[in-house]
Amino acid sequence: MKLQPDKSDVQTLTAHGPGWVAINNERVESSVVVGSRGERFEWNCSRFDDIGAEHFARLASLGAELIIFGSGARIRFPQPAWLQLLMAQRTGVETMDTPAACRTYNILASEGRHVVAALLIESPVAGQ
């Protein structure tokens, strides 16, 4: 699905599909963290089962007001223990499927919020 946000000065998630997202029209096929203040790095996980507390600890170091966790093609919630550092610093965390996370990130980033999207990009299932 192609997304058409208004002109923005921040990184924008411009499209998404099974097994990929596009950041400012650049196709990315692995899990990624992208932020409204220029943050962008590979998030070393390719399946939900690969994610652990260390993934969310790295997000805590970014100082964002909100973390949007895109959990892949379907919604899956992180373990509460994984979120302890974020909760301790009063950083909000919202969990949704990755397509919804892309849309939500764009809206909040365009409002000038310091938001970070942590997007799980899973390989598409054969036949989809």
N, C-alpha and C. Protein backbone atom coordinates (compact mmCIF):
# COMPACT_ATOMS: atom_id res chain seq x y z
N MET A 1 0.84 -1.16 0.00
CA MET A 1 0.00 0.00 0.00
C MET A 1 0.89 1.23 0.00
N LYS A 2 0.59 2.17 -0.85
CA LYS A 2 1.33 3.43 -0.90
C LYS A 2 0.65 4.44 0.01
N LEU A 3 1.45 5.13 0.80
CA LEU A 3 0.94 6.16 1.70
C LEU A 3 1.31 7.51 1.13
N GLN A 4 0.42 8.48 1.19
CA GLN A 4 0.68 9.81 0.65
C GLN A 4 0.54 10.86 1.75
N PRO A 5 1.58 11.03 2.59
CA PRO A 5 1.48 12.07 3.61
C PRO A 5 1.67 13.46 2.99
N ASP A 6 1.26 14.48 3.74
CA ASP A 6 1.56 15.84 3.35
C ASP A 6 3.07 16.01 3.36
N LYS A 7 3.57 17.06 2.73
CA LYS A 7 4.99 17.36 2.73
C LYS A 7 5.48 17.43 4.17
N SER A 8 6.58 16.75 4.45
CA SER A 8 7.09 16.69 5.81
C SER A 8 8.60 16.87 5.81
N ASP A 9 9.10 17.47 6.87
CA ASP A 9 10.54 17.64 7.03
C ASP A 9 11.17 16.49 7.80
N VAL A 10 10.38 15.53 8.22
CA VAL A 10 10.90 14.38 8.97
C VAL A 10 10.89 13.13 8.08
N GLN A 11 11.61 12.11 8.53
CA GLN A 11 11.57 10.83 7.81
C GLN A 11 10.13 10.35 7.79
N THR A 12 9.71 9.87 6.64
CA THR A 12 8.33 9.42 6.47
C THR A 12 8.32 8.00 5.95
N LEU A 13 7.38 7.23 6.44
CA LEU A 13 7.15 5.88 5.94
C LEU A 13 6.20 6.03 4.75
N THR A 14 6.74 5.91 3.55
CA THR A 14 6.00 6.26 2.35
C THR A 14 5.22 5.12 1.73
N ALA A 15 5.51 3.88 2.12
CA ALA A 15 4.76 2.72 1.59
C ALA A 15 5.11 1.51 2.45
N HIS A 16 4.29 0.48 2.32
CA HIS A 16 4.58 -0.79 3.00
C HIS A 16 3.90 -1.91 2.24
N GLY A 17 4.39 -3.11 2.45
CA GLY A 17 3.81 -4.30 1.86
C GLY A 17 4.34 -5.51 2.60
N PRO A 18 3.91 -6.69 2.23
CA PRO A 18 4.40 -7.90 2.90
C PRO A 18 5.93 -8.01 2.78
N GLY A 19 6.62 -7.95 3.91
CA GLY A 19 8.07 -8.13 3.93
C GLY A 19 8.88 -6.88 3.64
N TRP A 20 8.26 -5.69 3.66
CA TRP A 20 9.03 -4.47 3.41
C TRP A 20 8.26 -3.22 3.85
N VAL A 21 9.03 -2.15 4.05
CA VAL A 21 8.49 -0.80 4.21
C VAL A 21 9.37 0.11 3.37
N ALA A 22 8.90 1.30 3.10
CA ALA A 22 9.70 2.30 2.40
C ALA A 22 9.83 3.52 3.30
N ILE A 23 11.08 3.96 3.48
CA ILE A 23 11.37 5.16 4.26
C ILE A 23 11.84 6.21 3.27
N ASN A 24 11.06 7.29 3.14
CA ASN A 24 11.36 8.33 2.14
C ASN A 24 11.60 7.70 0.77
N ASN A 25 10.74 6.77 0.40
CA ASN A 25 10.75 6.06 -0.89
C ASN A 25 11.89 5.06 -1.05
N GLU A 26 12.66 4.80 -0.02
CA GLU A 26 13.72 3.78 -0.06
C GLU A 26 13.18 2.49 0.55
N ARG A 27 13.15 1.43 -0.25
CA ARG A 27 12.61 0.15 0.21
C ARG A 27 13.57 -0.51 1.20
N VAL A 28 13.01 -0.94 2.34
CA VAL A 28 13.76 -1.61 3.40
C VAL A 28 13.09 -2.95 3.66
N GLU A 29 13.87 -4.03 3.62
CA GLU A 29 13.31 -5.37 3.75
C GLU A 29 13.74 -6.09 5.01
N SER A 30 14.21 -5.35 6.00
CA SER A 30 14.55 -5.94 7.30
C SER A 30 14.01 -5.03 8.39
N SER A 31 13.87 -5.59 9.57
CA SER A 31 13.31 -4.82 10.69
C SER A 31 14.14 -3.57 10.92
N VAL A 32 13.44 -2.49 11.24
CA VAL A 32 14.10 -1.18 11.29
C VAL A 32 13.48 -0.31 12.38
N VAL A 33 14.30 0.58 12.91
CA VAL A 33 13.83 1.62 13.82
C VAL A 33 13.99 2.94 13.09
N VAL A 34 12.94 3.72 13.08
CA VAL A 34 12.96 5.03 12.41
C VAL A 34 12.32 6.05 13.34
N GLY A 35 12.94 7.23 13.42
CA GLY A 35 12.44 8.25 14.33
C GLY A 35 12.25 9.59 13.67
N SER A 36 11.43 10.40 14.28
CA SER A 36 11.09 11.71 13.74
C SER A 36 12.23 12.72 13.86
N ARG A 37 13.27 12.38 14.61
CA ARG A 37 14.43 13.28 14.72
C ARG A 37 15.64 12.71 14.00
N GLY A 38 15.39 11.87 13.00
CA GLY A 38 16.47 11.34 12.17
C GLY A 38 17.02 10.00 12.60
N GLU A 39 16.52 9.45 13.68
CA GLU A 39 16.99 8.14 14.11
C GLU A 39 16.65 7.10 13.03
N ARG A 40 17.59 6.26 12.75
CA ARG A 40 17.33 5.14 11.83
C ARG A 40 18.45 4.12 11.97
N PHE A 41 18.05 2.90 12.32
CA PHE A 41 19.01 1.81 12.39
C PHE A 41 18.29 0.48 12.25
N GLU A 42 19.07 -0.51 11.85
CA GLU A 42 18.52 -1.86 11.70
C GLU A 42 18.16 -2.38 13.09
N TRP A 43 17.01 -3.03 13.18
CA TRP A 43 16.56 -3.64 14.44
C TRP A 43 16.76 -5.13 14.26
N ASN A 44 17.75 -5.69 14.86
CA ASN A 44 18.21 -7.06 14.59
C ASN A 44 17.23 -8.13 15.06
N CYS A 45 16.15 -8.29 14.32
CA CYS A 45 15.16 -9.34 14.58
C CYS A 45 14.38 -9.55 13.28
N SER A 46 14.11 -10.80 12.97
CA SER A 46 13.34 -11.08 11.76
C SER A 46 12.06 -11.85 12.06
N ARG A 47 11.89 -12.22 13.33
CA ARG A 47 10.67 -12.90 13.78
C ARG A 47 10.32 -12.35 15.16
N PHE A 48 9.07 -12.41 15.52
CA PHE A 48 8.66 -11.94 16.84
C PHE A 48 9.42 -12.68 17.93
N ASP A 49 9.66 -13.97 17.72
CA ASP A 49 10.36 -14.77 18.73
C ASP A 49 11.81 -14.35 18.93
N ASP A 50 12.37 -13.54 18.04
CA ASP A 50 13.74 -13.05 18.17
C ASP A 50 13.84 -11.84 19.10
N ILE A 51 12.73 -11.22 19.42
CA ILE A 51 12.73 -9.97 20.18
C ILE A 51 12.85 -10.25 21.67
N GLY A 52 13.61 -9.39 22.34
CA GLY A 52 13.78 -9.51 23.78
C GLY A 52 13.97 -8.16 24.43
N ALA A 53 14.27 -8.17 25.71
CA ALA A 53 14.43 -6.95 26.49
C ALA A 53 15.50 -6.04 25.90
N GLU A 54 16.56 -6.61 25.34
CA GLU A 54 17.65 -5.79 24.79
C GLU A 54 17.19 -4.92 23.62
N HIS A 55 16.22 -5.39 22.87
CA HIS A 55 15.69 -4.60 21.75
C HIS A 55 14.99 -3.33 22.27
N PHE A 56 14.21 -3.48 23.33
CA PHE A 56 13.49 -2.35 23.89
C PHE A 56 14.41 -1.46 24.72
N ALA A 57 15.47 -2.02 25.31
CA ALA A 57 16.45 -1.21 26.04
C ALA A 57 17.12 -0.22 25.10
N ARG A 58 17.43 -0.66 23.90
CA ARG A 58 18.04 0.26 22.93
C ARG A 58 17.07 1.39 22.58
N LEU A 59 15.79 1.08 22.49
CA LEU A 59 14.80 2.11 22.20
C LEU A 59 14.72 3.13 23.34
N ALA A 60 14.91 2.67 24.57
CA ALA A 60 14.84 3.56 25.74
C ALA A 60 15.94 4.62 25.68
N SER A 61 17.05 4.29 25.05
CA SER A 61 18.17 5.23 24.99
C SER A 61 17.92 6.40 24.03
N LEU A 62 16.84 6.35 23.25
CA LEU A 62 16.58 7.37 22.24
C LEU A 62 15.87 8.61 22.79
N GLY A 63 15.28 8.50 23.97
CA GLY A 63 14.64 9.66 24.58
C GLY A 63 13.36 10.13 23.91
N ALA A 64 12.70 9.27 23.17
CA ALA A 64 11.45 9.63 22.49
C ALA A 64 10.32 9.75 23.50
N GLU A 65 9.29 10.53 23.14
CA GLU A 65 8.12 10.59 24.01
C GLU A 65 7.20 9.39 23.80
N LEU A 66 7.29 8.77 22.62
CA LEU A 66 6.44 7.62 22.31
C LEU A 66 7.18 6.65 21.40
N ILE A 67 7.10 5.37 21.74
CA ILE A 67 7.60 4.29 20.90
C ILE A 67 6.38 3.58 20.31
N ILE A 68 6.37 3.43 19.00
CA ILE A 68 5.32 2.66 18.34
C ILE A 68 5.96 1.35 17.90
N PHE A 69 5.48 0.25 18.46
CA PHE A 69 6.00 -1.07 18.14
C PHE A 69 5.10 -1.71 17.09
N GLY A 70 5.62 -1.87 15.88
CA GLY A 70 4.92 -2.57 14.81
C GLY A 70 5.31 -4.04 14.88
N SER A 71 4.38 -4.88 15.30
CA SER A 71 4.68 -6.27 15.65
C SER A 71 4.58 -7.25 14.48
N GLY A 72 4.62 -6.76 13.25
CA GLY A 72 4.55 -7.64 12.08
C GLY A 72 3.17 -7.60 11.46
N ALA A 73 2.83 -8.67 10.76
CA ALA A 73 1.57 -8.74 10.03
C ALA A 73 0.35 -8.81 10.94
N ARG A 74 0.56 -9.22 12.18
CA ARG A 74 -0.55 -9.26 13.14
C ARG A 74 -0.07 -8.68 14.47
N ILE A 75 -1.01 -8.28 15.28
CA ILE A 75 -0.65 -7.65 16.54
C ILE A 75 -0.24 -8.70 17.57
N ARG A 76 0.92 -8.47 18.17
CA ARG A 76 1.45 -9.31 19.25
C ARG A 76 2.11 -8.37 20.25
N PHE A 77 1.84 -8.58 21.51
CA PHE A 77 2.30 -7.65 22.53
C PHE A 77 3.63 -8.08 23.14
N PRO A 78 4.52 -7.12 23.40
CA PRO A 78 5.79 -7.45 24.05
C PRO A 78 5.56 -7.86 25.50
N GLN A 79 6.48 -8.64 26.03
CA GLN A 79 6.43 -9.02 27.44
C GLN A 79 6.59 -7.76 28.30
N PRO A 80 5.83 -7.62 29.38
CA PRO A 80 5.96 -6.44 30.24
C PRO A 80 7.40 -6.22 30.73
N ALA A 81 8.13 -7.28 30.99
CA ALA A 81 9.51 -7.14 31.47
C ALA A 81 10.40 -6.44 30.44
N TRP A 82 10.08 -6.59 29.17
CA TRP A 82 10.88 -5.95 28.11
C TRP A 82 10.74 -4.43 28.15
N LEU A 83 9.67 -3.94 28.74
CA LEU A 83 9.34 -2.52 28.70
C LEU A 83 9.74 -1.77 29.96
N GLN A 84 10.41 -2.44 30.91
CA GLN A 84 10.71 -1.83 32.20
C GLN A 84 11.47 -0.52 32.10
N LEU A 85 12.51 -0.46 31.27
CA LEU A 85 13.28 0.78 31.14
C LEU A 85 12.43 1.90 30.57
N LEU A 86 11.61 1.57 29.58
CA LEU A 86 10.74 2.59 28.99
C LEU A 86 9.72 3.10 30.01
N MET A 87 9.14 2.19 30.78
CA MET A 87 8.17 2.60 31.79
C MET A 87 8.84 3.44 32.87
N ALA A 88 10.06 3.08 33.26
CA ALA A 88 10.77 3.82 34.30
C ALA A 88 11.03 5.26 33.89
N GLN A 89 11.25 5.50 32.60
CA GLN A 89 11.48 6.88 32.15
C GLN A 89 10.22 7.53 31.61
N ARG A 90 9.09 6.87 31.80
CA ARG A 90 7.78 7.40 31.43
C ARG A 90 7.64 7.63 29.93
N THR A 91 8.22 6.73 29.15
CA THR A 91 8.07 6.76 27.69
C THR A 91 6.87 5.90 27.32
N GLY A 92 5.97 6.44 26.55
CA GLY A 92 4.80 5.70 26.11
C GLY A 92 5.17 4.64 25.09
N VAL A 93 4.47 3.53 25.11
CA VAL A 93 4.66 2.45 24.14
C VAL A 93 3.29 2.03 23.64
N GLU A 94 3.13 2.04 22.33
CA GLU A 94 1.90 1.56 21.70
C GLU A 94 2.26 0.41 20.78
N THR A 95 1.47 -0.64 20.82
CA THR A 95 1.70 -1.82 20.00
C THR A 95 0.58 -1.96 19.00
N MET A 96 0.96 -2.21 17.75
CA MET A 96 -0.01 -2.43 16.68
C MET A 96 0.67 -3.23 15.58
N ASP A 97 -0.08 -3.70 14.59
CA ASP A 97 0.58 -4.38 13.48
C ASP A 97 1.43 -3.36 12.72
N THR A 98 2.39 -3.84 11.94
CA THR A 98 3.33 -2.95 11.28
C THR A 98 2.66 -1.97 10.31
N PRO A 99 1.69 -2.38 9.49
CA PRO A 99 1.03 -1.38 8.64
C PRO A 99 0.38 -0.24 9.44
N ALA A 100 -0.29 -0.55 10.53
CA ALA A 100 -0.90 0.49 11.36
C ALA A 100 0.17 1.35 12.02
N ALA A 101 1.29 0.75 12.40
CA ALA A 101 2.39 1.50 13.01
C ALA A 101 2.96 2.52 12.02
N CYS A 102 3.06 2.14 10.75
CA CYS A 102 3.55 3.07 9.72
C CYS A 102 2.65 4.29 9.62
N ARG A 103 1.36 4.06 9.55
CA ARG A 103 0.41 5.16 9.42
C ARG A 103 0.42 6.07 10.66
N THR A 104 0.45 5.45 11.83
CA THR A 104 0.43 6.22 13.08
C THR A 104 1.70 7.03 13.23
N TYR A 105 2.84 6.43 12.92
CA TYR A 105 4.12 7.16 12.98
C TYR A 105 4.04 8.42 12.11
N ASN A 106 3.57 8.29 10.88
CA ASN A 106 3.51 9.44 9.98
C ASN A 106 2.68 10.58 10.55
N ILE A 107 1.55 10.26 11.12
CA ILE A 107 0.67 11.29 11.69
C ILE A 107 1.37 12.01 12.84
N LEU A 108 1.92 11.23 13.77
CA LEU A 108 2.54 11.85 14.95
C LEU A 108 3.81 12.60 14.60
N ALA A 109 4.61 12.05 13.70
CA ALA A 109 5.85 12.74 13.28
C ALA A 109 5.52 14.06 12.59
N SER A 110 4.47 14.07 11.78
CA SER A 110 4.10 15.30 11.07
C SER A 110 3.59 16.37 12.02
N GLU A 111 3.14 15.97 13.21
CA GLU A 111 2.70 16.92 14.23
C GLU A 111 3.87 17.48 15.03
N GLY A 112 5.08 17.03 14.74
CA GLY A 112 6.25 17.51 15.45
C GLY A 112 6.58 16.76 16.72
N ARG A 113 5.91 15.64 16.94
CA ARG A 113 6.18 14.83 18.14
C ARG A 113 7.48 14.07 17.97
N HIS A 114 8.19 13.82 19.09
CA HIS A 114 9.38 12.97 19.04
C HIS A 114 8.93 11.53 19.20
N VAL A 115 8.70 10.89 18.08
CA VAL A 115 8.16 9.54 18.03
C VAL A 115 9.15 8.63 17.31
N VAL A 116 9.20 7.38 17.76
CA VAL A 116 10.07 6.37 17.15
C VAL A 116 9.21 5.16 16.82
N ALA A 117 9.36 4.65 15.60
CA ALA A 117 8.66 3.42 15.19
C ALA A 117 9.68 2.30 15.13
N ALA A 118 9.43 1.24 15.88
CA ALA A 118 10.24 0.02 15.84
C ALA A 118 9.42 -1.00 15.07
N LEU A 119 9.85 -1.30 13.85
CA LEU A 119 9.02 -2.08 12.92
C LEU A 119 9.60 -3.45 12.68
N LEU A 120 8.85 -4.48 13.06
CA LEU A 120 9.23 -5.86 12.77
C LEU A 120 8.81 -6.15 11.33
N ILE A 121 9.79 -6.45 10.50
CA ILE A 121 9.54 -6.79 9.10
C ILE A 121 9.81 -8.28 8.95
N GLU A 122 8.76 -9.03 8.71
CA GLU A 122 8.88 -10.48 8.58
C GLU A 122 8.81 -10.86 7.11
N SER A 123 9.50 -11.92 6.75
CA SER A 123 9.41 -12.43 5.38
C SER A 123 7.98 -12.88 5.13
N PRO A 124 7.43 -12.55 3.97
CA PRO A 124 6.06 -12.97 3.69
C PRO A 124 5.95 -14.49 3.61
N VAL A 125 4.79 -14.99 4.01
CA VAL A 125 4.53 -16.42 3.95
C VAL A 125 4.28 -16.79 2.48
N ALA A 126 4.84 -17.91 2.03
CA ALA A 126 4.66 -18.35 0.65
C ALA A 126 3.17 -18.43 0.32
N GLY A 127 2.81 -17.95 -0.86
CA GLY A 127 1.43 -18.01 -1.31
C GLY A 127 0.64 -16.76 -0.97
N GLN A 128 1.27 -15.77 -0.29
CA GLN A 128 0.55 -14.53 0.05
C GLN A 128 0.97 -13.41 -0.85
